[in-house]
């Protein structure tokens, strides 16, 4: 997954091989910030409930059903 995060939005899309029939595609999607708490609205990678949390230099994307993705290069 390739994701670009700015102060007000996060743009993402899947890259590389994707299994057929799983509903994944290579389209680019945008998640927009709805308030200052890090809650995002839009089409997320693994569901519609998404939020960001910053812990030190790491940016963590929490998504629906308890999953998370850690990004190591948060500024």
C-alpha atoms as a PDB file:
ATOM      1  CA  UNK A   1       0.000   0.000   0.000  1.00  0.00           C
ATOM      2  CA  UNK A   2       1.260   3.471  -0.856  1.00  0.00           C
ATOM      3  CA  UNK A   3      -0.078   6.280   1.357  1.00  0.00           C
ATOM      4  CA  UNK A   4       0.659  10.011   1.399  1.00  0.00           C
ATOM      5  CA  UNK A   5      -0.435  11.835   4.547  1.00  0.00           C
ATOM      6  CA  UNK A   6      -0.797  15.611   4.860  1.00  0.00           C
ATOM      7  CA  UNK A   7      -2.310  17.759   7.596  1.00  0.00           C
ATOM      8  CA  UNK A   8      -5.883  17.487   6.250  1.00  0.00           C
ATOM      9  CA  UNK A   9      -6.019  14.322   4.142  1.00  0.00           C
ATOM     10  CA  UNK A  10      -4.478  10.961   3.411  1.00  0.00           C
ATOM     11  CA  UNK A  11      -4.339   9.631  -0.161  1.00  0.00           C
ATOM     12  CA  UNK A  12      -3.737   5.906  -0.609  1.00  0.00           C
ATOM     13  CA  UNK A  13      -3.802   3.069  -3.139  1.00  0.00           C
ATOM     14  CA  UNK A  14      -2.662  -0.534  -3.328  1.00  0.00           C
ATOM     15  CA  UNK A  15       0.442  -1.302  -5.416  1.00  0.00           C
ATOM     16  CA  UNK A  16       1.824  -4.557  -6.796  1.00  0.00           C
ATOM     17  CA  UNK A  17       0.003  -7.862  -7.160  1.00  0.00           C
ATOM     18  CA  UNK A  18      -3.565  -7.999  -5.847  1.00  0.00           C
ATOM     19  CA  UNK A  19      -5.591 -11.222  -5.650  1.00  0.00           C
ATOM     20  CA  UNK A  20      -8.635 -11.298  -7.937  1.00  0.00           C
ATOM     21  CA  UNK A  21     -12.083 -11.505  -6.416  1.00  0.00           C
ATOM     22  CA  UNK A  22     -11.085  -9.890  -3.113  1.00  0.00           C
ATOM     23  CA  UNK A  23     -12.460  -6.452  -3.967  1.00  0.00           C
ATOM     24  CA  UNK A  24      -9.039  -4.749  -4.038  1.00  0.00           C
ATOM     25  CA  UNK A  25      -8.014  -2.488  -6.919  1.00  0.00           C
ATOM     26  CA  UNK A  26      -5.338   0.046  -7.819  1.00  0.00           C
ATOM     27  CA  UNK A  27      -7.612   3.121  -7.635  1.00  0.00           C
ATOM     28  CA  UNK A  28      -6.460   6.106  -5.605  1.00  0.00           C
ATOM     29  CA  UNK A  29      -8.667   7.068  -2.654  1.00  0.00           C
ATOM     30  CA  UNK A  30      -8.676  10.045  -0.292  1.00  0.00           C
ATOM     31  CA  UNK A  31      -9.472  10.095   3.415  1.00  0.00           C
ATOM     32  CA  UNK A  32     -10.288  13.592   4.686  1.00  0.00           C
ATOM     33  CA  UNK A  33      -9.842  14.834   8.244  1.00  0.00           C
ATOM     34  CA  UNK A  34     -13.217  15.530   9.878  1.00  0.00           C
ATOM     35  CA  UNK A  35     -11.934  17.140  13.116  1.00  0.00           C
ATOM     36  CA  UNK A  36      -8.749  17.674  15.103  1.00  0.00           C
ATOM     37  CA  UNK A  37      -9.001  14.285  16.875  1.00  0.00           C
ATOM     38  CA  UNK A  38      -7.594  12.379  13.896  1.00  0.00           C
ATOM     39  CA  UNK A  39     -10.904  10.877  12.723  1.00  0.00           C
ATOM     40  CA  UNK A  40     -10.950  10.333   8.950  1.00  0.00           C
ATOM     41  CA  UNK A  41     -13.922  10.131   6.597  1.00  0.00           C
ATOM     42  CA  UNK A  42     -13.896   8.458   3.217  1.00  0.00           C
ATOM     43  CA  UNK A  43     -13.110   5.099   1.669  1.00  0.00           C
ATOM     44  CA  UNK A  44     -10.443   3.449   3.832  1.00  0.00           C
ATOM     45  CA  UNK A  45      -8.257   0.481   2.939  1.00  0.00           C
ATOM     46  CA  UNK A  46      -9.958  -1.978   5.299  1.00  0.00           C
ATOM     47  CA  UNK A  47     -13.313  -0.391   6.144  1.00  0.00           C
ATOM     48  CA  UNK A  48     -14.913   2.967   6.744  1.00  0.00           C
ATOM     49  CA  UNK A  49     -13.816   3.617  10.363  1.00  0.00           C
ATOM     50  CA  UNK A  50     -10.280   5.056  10.282  1.00  0.00           C
ATOM     51  CA  UNK A  51      -8.185   7.239  12.579  1.00  0.00           C
ATOM     52  CA  UNK A  52      -4.556   8.340  12.911  1.00  0.00           C
ATOM     53  CA  UNK A  53      -2.507   8.498  16.104  1.00  0.00           C
ATOM     54  CA  UNK A  54       1.032   9.860  16.332  1.00  0.00           C
ATOM     55  CA  UNK A  55       3.353   8.277  18.898  1.00  0.00           C
ATOM     56  CA  UNK A  56       6.774   9.897  18.809  1.00  0.00           C
ATOM     57  CA  UNK A  57       8.024   9.670  15.229  1.00  0.00           C
ATOM     58  CA  UNK A  58       5.599   6.882  14.316  1.00  0.00           C
ATOM     59  CA  UNK A  59       2.229   7.498  12.684  1.00  0.00           C
ATOM     60  CA  UNK A  60      -0.316   4.727  13.238  1.00  0.00           C
ATOM     61  CA  UNK A  61      -3.438   4.175  11.140  1.00  0.00           C
ATOM     62  CA  UNK A  62      -6.164   2.372  13.094  1.00  0.00           C
ATOM     63  CA  UNK A  63      -8.950   0.867  11.031  1.00  0.00           C
ATOM     64  CA  UNK A  64     -12.215  -1.017  11.399  1.00  0.00           C
ATOM     65  CA  UNK A  65     -12.228  -4.305  13.402  1.00  0.00           C
ATOM     66  CA  UNK A  66      -9.123  -3.487  15.443  1.00  0.00           C
ATOM     67  CA  UNK A  67      -6.323  -3.495  12.853  1.00  0.00           C
ATOM     68  CA  UNK A  68      -3.460  -1.045  12.611  1.00  0.00           C
ATOM     69  CA  UNK A  69      -0.688  -0.037  10.195  1.00  0.00           C
ATOM     70  CA  UNK A  70       2.465   1.708  11.454  1.00  0.00           C
ATOM     71  CA  UNK A  71       4.297   4.295   9.355  1.00  0.00           C
ATOM     72  CA  UNK A  72       7.853   4.923  10.554  1.00  0.00           C
ATOM     73  CA  UNK A  73       8.648   8.209   8.804  1.00  0.00           C
ATOM     74  CA  UNK A  74       6.187  10.639  10.380  1.00  0.00           C
ATOM     75  CA  UNK A  75       7.475  14.210  10.639  1.00  0.00           C
END
